[in-house]
Amino acid sequence: MSEQITVSKAAKLLNINRSELRARLRAASIETFEGEVGLEQLRCIAPDLRLSDQEILERVRILRNDASKPPRDNRIASAQDLAAEVHRLKTALTIETEMAAHYRDIVEELGKKLGTMQTADDEGERRAALQLCKWLREKATSSE
């Protein structure tokens, strides 16, 4: 049986909001059980989730630990607590860096594909490629 994760934590894992994730789950006819979804089903609707099983499970562990931690007070943390926090942050940074690199690769591949489409024989395909390139350029250069 696949590892289960709450819909809320799955949305955080995918960097989307819960309502968007729920819409994707409904569109793919993936049911949740008591507010949880399996990681394998999650991969079905998020093919860009290229993290290894170990990375996903580590990120899930981080999300679960964050939710179970009581609010910090102003006490000075022990060296062990600080080392654990550094490890958690390094893991989270590694995962986010890999995801950013993956998305960058997708955008670069999309740009190449659009460049190829702009030289197509079909006028409609050329126009669509030009419009998509314009949109992509605007999104890439906007500060939002």
Protein backbone atom coordinates (compact mmCIF):
# COMPACT_ATOMS: atom_id res chain seq x y z
CA MET A 1 0.00 0.00 0.00
CA SER A 2 1.26 3.46 -0.88
CA GLU A 3 2.39 5.90 1.78
CA GLN A 4 -0.53 8.18 2.68
CA ILE A 5 -0.35 11.94 3.17
CA THR A 6 -3.00 14.51 4.02
CA VAL A 7 -4.35 16.59 1.17
CA SER A 8 -3.09 19.70 2.93
CA LYS A 9 0.45 18.37 3.17
CA ALA A 10 0.30 17.07 -0.41
CA ALA A 11 -0.64 20.57 -1.57
CA LYS A 12 2.37 21.96 0.29
CA LEU A 13 4.55 19.27 -1.28
CA LEU A 14 3.39 20.36 -4.74
CA ASN A 15 3.46 24.08 -3.89
CA ILE A 16 -0.21 24.54 -4.81
CA ASN A 17 -3.25 25.40 -2.72
CA ARG A 18 -5.60 22.72 -1.40
CA SER A 19 -8.53 23.70 -3.60
CA GLU A 20 -6.39 23.36 -6.72
CA LEU A 21 -5.16 19.95 -5.56
CA ARG A 22 -8.71 18.82 -4.77
CA ALA A 23 -9.80 19.92 -8.26
CA ARG A 24 -6.97 17.91 -9.81
CA LEU A 25 -7.85 14.88 -7.72
CA ARG A 26 -11.52 15.11 -8.77
CA ALA A 27 -10.58 15.52 -12.45
CA ALA A 28 -8.43 12.38 -12.25
CA SER A 29 -11.13 10.47 -10.31
CA ILE A 30 -8.75 9.96 -7.40
CA GLU A 31 -10.58 9.56 -4.13
CA THR A 32 -9.26 10.60 -0.78
CA PHE A 33 -9.88 8.64 2.38
CA GLU A 34 -10.29 10.57 5.62
CA GLY A 35 -8.53 13.56 4.06
CA GLU A 36 -5.52 11.58 2.87
CA VAL A 37 -4.23 10.58 -0.55
CA GLY A 38 -1.58 8.04 -1.55
CA LEU A 39 1.76 9.27 -2.85
CA GLU A 40 1.43 7.01 -5.90
CA GLN A 41 -1.92 8.58 -6.79
CA LEU A 42 -0.33 11.99 -6.23
CA ARG A 43 2.29 11.17 -8.84
CA CYS A 44 -0.50 10.38 -11.33
CA ILE A 45 -1.75 13.96 -11.23
CA ALA A 46 1.67 15.58 -10.78
CA PRO A 47 4.00 14.05 -13.37
CA ASP A 48 6.41 16.93 -12.78
CA LEU A 49 6.95 15.55 -9.28
CA ARG A 50 10.26 13.91 -10.13
CA LEU A 51 11.53 13.53 -6.61
CA SER A 52 12.74 10.10 -5.66
CA ASP A 53 10.76 8.08 -3.14
CA GLN A 54 13.36 8.88 -0.51
CA GLU A 55 13.17 12.63 -1.21
CA ILE A 56 9.38 12.60 -1.11
CA LEU A 57 9.33 10.65 2.12
CA GLU A 58 11.93 12.99 3.63
CA ARG A 59 9.86 16.01 2.65
CA VAL A 60 6.71 14.37 4.05
CA ARG A 61 8.63 13.65 7.26
CA ILE A 62 9.69 17.31 7.45
CA LEU A 63 6.10 18.47 6.92
CA ARG A 64 4.84 16.08 9.58
CA ASN A 65 7.52 17.13 12.06
CA ASP A 66 6.79 20.81 11.48
CA ALA A 67 3.11 20.24 12.19
CA SER A 68 3.78 18.25 15.34
CA LYS A 69 6.26 20.70 16.87
CA PRO A 70 4.93 22.98 19.57
CA PRO A 71 5.47 26.69 19.01
CA ARG A 72 9.00 27.73 19.87
CA ASP A 73 9.58 29.79 22.91
CA ASN A 74 12.54 32.02 23.58
CA ARG A 75 14.71 29.31 25.11
CA ILE A 76 18.16 28.74 23.70
CA ALA A 77 18.16 25.56 21.62
CA SER A 78 20.60 22.78 22.36
CA ALA A 79 23.38 21.90 19.93
CA GLN A 80 21.46 18.75 19.00
CA ASP A 81 18.32 20.77 18.25
CA LEU A 82 20.34 23.19 16.13
CA ALA A 83 22.01 20.34 14.24
CA ALA A 84 18.62 18.77 13.54
CA GLU A 85 17.28 22.12 12.31
CA VAL A 86 20.32 22.59 10.05
CA HIS A 87 19.78 19.09 8.63
CA ARG A 88 16.09 19.81 8.04
CA LEU A 89 16.86 23.09 6.31
CA LYS A 90 19.58 21.50 4.14
CA THR A 91 17.19 18.76 3.07
CA ALA A 92 14.43 21.25 2.29
CA LEU A 93 16.88 23.44 0.35
CA THR A 94 18.14 20.46 -1.67
CA ILE A 95 14.60 19.43 -2.57
CA GLU A 96 13.60 22.97 -3.56
CA THR A 97 16.81 23.44 -5.58
CA GLU A 98 16.16 20.23 -7.51
CA MET A 99 12.56 21.24 -8.17
CA ALA A 100 13.68 24.69 -9.38
CA ALA A 101 16.23 23.09 -11.72
CA HIS A 102 13.56 20.74 -13.05
CA TYR A 103 11.16 23.62 -13.73
CA ARG A 104 13.95 25.60 -15.40
CA ASP A 105 14.62 22.60 -17.68
CA ILE A 106 10.92 22.41 -18.57
CA VAL A 107 10.79 26.11 -19.45
CA GLU A 108 13.94 25.81 -21.59
CA GLU A 109 12.51 22.78 -23.38
CA LEU A 110 9.24 24.63 -23.91
CA GLY A 111 11.14 27.58 -25.41
CA LYS A 112 12.92 25.26 -27.86
CA LYS A 113 9.64 23.58 -28.81
CA LEU A 114 7.99 26.95 -29.39
CA GLY A 115 10.94 28.03 -31.53
CA THR A 116 10.47 24.92 -33.68
CA MET A 117 6.73 25.54 -33.92
CA GLN A 118 7.34 29.11 -35.15
CA THR A 119 8.88 27.71 -38.33
CA ALA A 120 6.08 25.21 -38.99
CA ASP A 121 4.26 25.11 -42.31
CA ASP A 122 0.90 25.55 -40.61
CA GLU A 123 0.03 29.24 -40.14
CA GLY A 124 -2.18 28.50 -37.10
CA GLU A 125 0.62 26.63 -35.38
CA ARG A 126 3.04 29.51 -36.05
CA ARG A 127 0.60 32.07 -34.65
CA ALA A 128 -0.08 29.96 -31.56
CA ALA A 129 3.66 29.52 -30.98
CA LEU A 130 4.25 33.26 -31.29
CA GLN A 131 1.44 34.02 -28.85
CA LEU A 132 2.75 31.46 -26.36
CA CYS A 133 6.29 32.84 -26.68
CA LYS A 134 4.99 36.34 -26.00
CA TRP A 135 3.06 35.10 -22.97
CA LEU A 136 6.07 33.13 -21.67
CA ARG A 137 8.37 36.15 -22.10
CA GLU A 138 5.90 38.37 -20.22
CA LYS A 139 5.62 35.86 -17.38
CA ALA A 140 9.38 35.37 -17.20
CA THR A 141 10.09 39.10 -17.05
CA SER A 142 7.25 40.15 -14.74
CA SER A 143 8.08 40.82 -11.11
CA GLU A 144 5.03 38.98 -9.74
